[in-house]
Amino acid sequence: MKSIDEHIKKDQSEIEAARASGDQAKLRHLTDELHSLEEYKEHNPADKHDPTSLELYCDANPDADECRVYDD
C-alpha cells in the first residue's frame, strides 16, 4: 500500500468478504489490524504512509524494549 487510507479501505473490504464467507480467524485478524491502523492514524494525523507492523506495535506500546530509541 502507498498510504494508510488505502490500507484501511482494503481491510474494510476484506472484512466484509471474510464475514460473508464465515472465515472467523481472518475476520479477527483483519479487525485487529484495522483497529491498529485507525489508532495509528489518530495518533499521527500528518503521517500518511502505510505503517509497518513494528510501527503499529510501537505506537500502541511506546515503552516496549523493541521501541526504545537511544541517542548517541
N, C-alpha and C. Protein backbone atom coordinates (compact mmCIF):
# COMPACT_ATOMS: atom_id res chain seq x y z
N MET A 1 0.84 -1.17 0.00
CA MET A 1 0.00 0.00 0.00
C MET A 1 0.89 1.24 0.00
N LYS A 2 0.35 2.27 -0.58
CA LYS A 2 1.09 3.52 -0.60
C LYS A 2 0.71 4.42 0.56
N SER A 3 -0.52 4.29 1.04
CA SER A 3 -0.95 5.16 2.13
C SER A 3 -1.78 4.37 3.15
N ILE A 4 -1.87 4.94 4.32
CA ILE A 4 -2.64 4.31 5.38
C ILE A 4 -4.13 4.27 5.02
N ASP A 5 -4.60 5.29 4.31
CA ASP A 5 -6.01 5.33 3.91
C ASP A 5 -6.34 4.18 2.95
N GLU A 6 -5.43 3.87 2.02
CA GLU A 6 -5.64 2.74 1.11
C GLU A 6 -5.69 1.43 1.89
N HIS A 7 -4.80 1.29 2.87
CA HIS A 7 -4.75 0.07 3.67
C HIS A 7 -6.04 -0.09 4.48
N ILE A 8 -6.53 0.99 5.04
CA ILE A 8 -7.78 0.94 5.81
C ILE A 8 -8.94 0.52 4.91
N LYS A 9 -9.04 1.09 3.72
CA LYS A 9 -10.11 0.73 2.79
C LYS A 9 -10.01 -0.73 2.37
N LYS A 10 -8.79 -1.21 2.13
CA LYS A 10 -8.59 -2.60 1.74
C LYS A 10 -9.03 -3.53 2.87
N ASP A 11 -8.63 -3.21 4.10
CA ASP A 11 -9.02 -4.04 5.24
C ASP A 11 -10.54 -4.06 5.42
N GLN A 12 -11.18 -2.91 5.24
CA GLN A 12 -12.63 -2.85 5.39
C GLN A 12 -13.33 -3.75 4.36
N SER A 13 -12.86 -3.74 3.13
CA SER A 13 -13.49 -4.60 2.12
C SER A 13 -13.19 -6.08 2.38
N GLU A 14 -11.98 -6.38 2.87
CA GLU A 14 -11.63 -7.77 3.17
C GLU A 14 -12.40 -8.28 4.40
N ILE A 15 -12.70 -7.38 5.33
CA ILE A 15 -13.50 -7.76 6.50
C ILE A 15 -14.89 -8.19 6.05
N GLU A 16 -15.48 -7.44 5.14
CA GLU A 16 -16.80 -7.80 4.62
C GLU A 16 -16.77 -9.15 3.92
N ALA A 17 -15.71 -9.40 3.14
CA ALA A 17 -15.59 -10.68 2.44
C ALA A 17 -15.40 -11.82 3.43
N ALA A 18 -14.60 -11.61 4.46
CA ALA A 18 -14.38 -12.65 5.47
C ALA A 18 -15.65 -12.92 6.25
N ARG A 19 -16.40 -11.86 6.54
CA ARG A 19 -17.68 -12.01 7.26
C ARG A 19 -18.67 -12.81 6.41
N ALA A 20 -18.70 -12.51 5.11
CA ALA A 20 -19.62 -13.21 4.21
C ALA A 20 -19.26 -14.68 4.04
N SER A 21 -17.96 -14.99 4.06
CA SER A 21 -17.53 -16.38 3.88
C SER A 21 -17.49 -17.16 5.19
N GLY A 22 -17.62 -16.46 6.31
CA GLY A 22 -17.62 -17.12 7.61
C GLY A 22 -16.22 -17.46 8.13
N ASP A 23 -15.19 -16.83 7.58
CA ASP A 23 -13.81 -17.07 7.99
C ASP A 23 -13.51 -16.25 9.25
N GLN A 24 -13.78 -16.84 10.41
CA GLN A 24 -13.67 -16.13 11.69
C GLN A 24 -12.23 -15.74 12.03
N ALA A 25 -11.27 -16.60 11.71
CA ALA A 25 -9.86 -16.30 12.01
C ALA A 25 -9.40 -15.08 11.23
N LYS A 26 -9.70 -15.05 9.94
CA LYS A 26 -9.32 -13.90 9.11
C LYS A 26 -10.05 -12.65 9.57
N LEU A 27 -11.30 -12.80 9.93
CA LEU A 27 -12.09 -11.67 10.41
C LEU A 27 -11.47 -11.06 11.67
N ARG A 28 -11.06 -11.91 12.62
CA ARG A 28 -10.42 -11.41 13.84
C ARG A 28 -9.11 -10.69 13.53
N HIS A 29 -8.30 -11.31 12.66
CA HIS A 29 -7.01 -10.71 12.29
C HIS A 29 -7.21 -9.34 11.64
N LEU A 30 -8.10 -9.27 10.67
CA LEU A 30 -8.32 -8.02 9.95
C LEU A 30 -8.94 -6.95 10.85
N THR A 31 -9.82 -7.35 11.74
CA THR A 31 -10.44 -6.40 12.66
C THR A 31 -9.39 -5.81 13.60
N ASP A 32 -8.50 -6.65 14.11
CA ASP A 32 -7.41 -6.16 14.97
C ASP A 32 -6.49 -5.23 14.19
N GLU A 33 -6.15 -5.61 12.96
CA GLU A 33 -5.27 -4.78 12.14
C GLU A 33 -5.92 -3.44 11.84
N LEU A 34 -7.19 -3.46 11.50
CA LEU A 34 -7.91 -2.22 11.20
C LEU A 34 -7.94 -1.31 12.42
N HIS A 35 -8.18 -1.88 13.58
CA HIS A 35 -8.18 -1.09 14.82
C HIS A 35 -6.81 -0.44 15.04
N SER A 36 -5.73 -1.18 14.83
CA SER A 36 -4.38 -0.65 15.00
C SER A 36 -4.10 0.47 13.99
N LEU A 37 -4.53 0.28 12.75
CA LEU A 37 -4.32 1.31 11.73
C LEU A 37 -5.09 2.58 12.06
N GLU A 38 -6.32 2.43 12.52
CA GLU A 38 -7.12 3.60 12.88
C GLU A 38 -6.53 4.34 14.07
N GLU A 39 -6.03 3.62 15.06
CA GLU A 39 -5.37 4.26 16.20
C GLU A 39 -4.11 4.98 15.76
N TYR A 40 -3.31 4.34 14.90
CA TYR A 40 -2.09 4.97 14.40
C TYR A 40 -2.42 6.27 13.67
N LYS A 41 -3.44 6.22 12.83
CA LYS A 41 -3.84 7.40 12.07
C LYS A 41 -4.30 8.52 13.02
N GLU A 42 -5.01 8.15 14.07
CA GLU A 42 -5.48 9.13 15.04
C GLU A 42 -4.31 9.77 15.79
N HIS A 43 -3.30 8.97 16.14
CA HIS A 43 -2.15 9.48 16.89
C HIS A 43 -1.16 10.23 16.00
N ASN A 44 -1.17 9.96 14.70
CA ASN A 44 -0.22 10.57 13.76
C ASN A 44 -0.96 11.14 12.56
N PRO A 45 -1.76 12.17 12.74
CA PRO A 45 -2.62 12.67 11.66
C PRO A 45 -1.86 13.20 10.44
N ALA A 46 -0.64 13.67 10.61
CA ALA A 46 0.11 14.21 9.48
C ALA A 46 0.85 13.14 8.70
N ASP A 47 0.95 11.95 9.26
CA ASP A 47 1.69 10.85 8.64
C ASP A 47 0.76 10.04 7.75
N LYS A 48 0.99 10.06 6.46
CA LYS A 48 0.09 9.40 5.51
C LYS A 48 0.62 8.07 4.98
N HIS A 49 1.88 7.70 5.31
CA HIS A 49 2.43 6.45 4.77
C HIS A 49 1.78 5.24 5.44
N ASP A 50 1.90 4.10 4.80
CA ASP A 50 1.36 2.85 5.34
C ASP A 50 2.36 2.31 6.37
N PRO A 51 2.00 2.32 7.65
CA PRO A 51 2.96 1.91 8.68
C PRO A 51 3.22 0.40 8.68
N THR A 52 4.42 0.04 9.11
CA THR A 52 4.77 -1.37 9.24
C THR A 52 4.14 -1.91 10.52
N SER A 53 4.20 -3.21 10.68
CA SER A 53 3.65 -3.82 11.90
C SER A 53 4.44 -3.36 13.12
N LEU A 54 5.74 -3.12 12.98
CA LEU A 54 6.54 -2.62 14.10
C LEU A 54 6.11 -1.20 14.47
N GLU A 55 5.84 -0.36 13.49
CA GLU A 55 5.37 0.99 13.77
C GLU A 55 4.02 0.96 14.49
N LEU A 56 3.14 0.07 14.07
CA LEU A 56 1.85 -0.06 14.74
C LEU A 56 2.03 -0.52 16.18
N TYR A 57 2.90 -1.50 16.38
CA TYR A 57 3.16 -2.03 17.72
C TYR A 57 3.75 -0.94 18.61
N CYS A 58 4.73 -0.21 18.11
CA CYS A 58 5.38 0.82 18.92
C CYS A 58 4.46 2.00 19.20
N ASP A 59 3.53 2.27 18.30
CA ASP A 59 2.56 3.32 18.56
C ASP A 59 1.67 2.94 19.74
N ALA A 60 1.33 1.66 19.82
CA ALA A 60 0.46 1.18 20.90
C ALA A 60 1.25 0.87 22.17
N ASN A 61 2.55 0.59 22.06
CA ASN A 61 3.39 0.18 23.20
C ASN A 61 4.71 0.94 23.19
N PRO A 62 4.69 2.24 23.38
CA PRO A 62 5.93 3.03 23.25
C PRO A 62 7.03 2.68 24.25
N ASP A 63 6.69 2.06 25.36
CA ASP A 63 7.70 1.73 26.37
C ASP A 63 8.29 0.34 26.19
N ALA A 64 7.86 -0.39 25.18
CA ALA A 64 8.38 -1.74 24.94
C ALA A 64 9.85 -1.67 24.55
N ASP A 65 10.61 -2.69 24.94
CA ASP A 65 12.04 -2.72 24.64
C ASP A 65 12.32 -2.56 23.16
N GLU A 66 11.48 -3.17 22.31
CA GLU A 66 11.67 -3.11 20.87
C GLU A 66 11.52 -1.71 20.31
N CYS A 67 10.90 -0.81 21.08
CA CYS A 67 10.56 0.52 20.58
C CYS A 67 11.47 1.62 21.15
N ARG A 68 12.40 1.23 21.95
CA ARG A 68 13.29 2.24 22.55
C ARG A 68 14.22 2.83 21.50
N VAL A 69 14.45 4.11 21.62
CA VAL A 69 15.35 4.82 20.73
C VAL A 69 16.44 5.44 21.59
N TYR A 70 17.68 5.16 21.24
CA TYR A 70 18.81 5.65 22.00
C TYR A 70 19.53 6.73 21.19
N ASP A 71 19.83 7.83 21.85
CA ASP A 71 20.61 8.90 21.23
C ASP A 71 22.09 8.62 21.49
N ASP A 72 22.92 8.95 20.51
CA ASP A 72 24.37 8.76 20.69
C ASP A 72 24.95 9.82 21.57
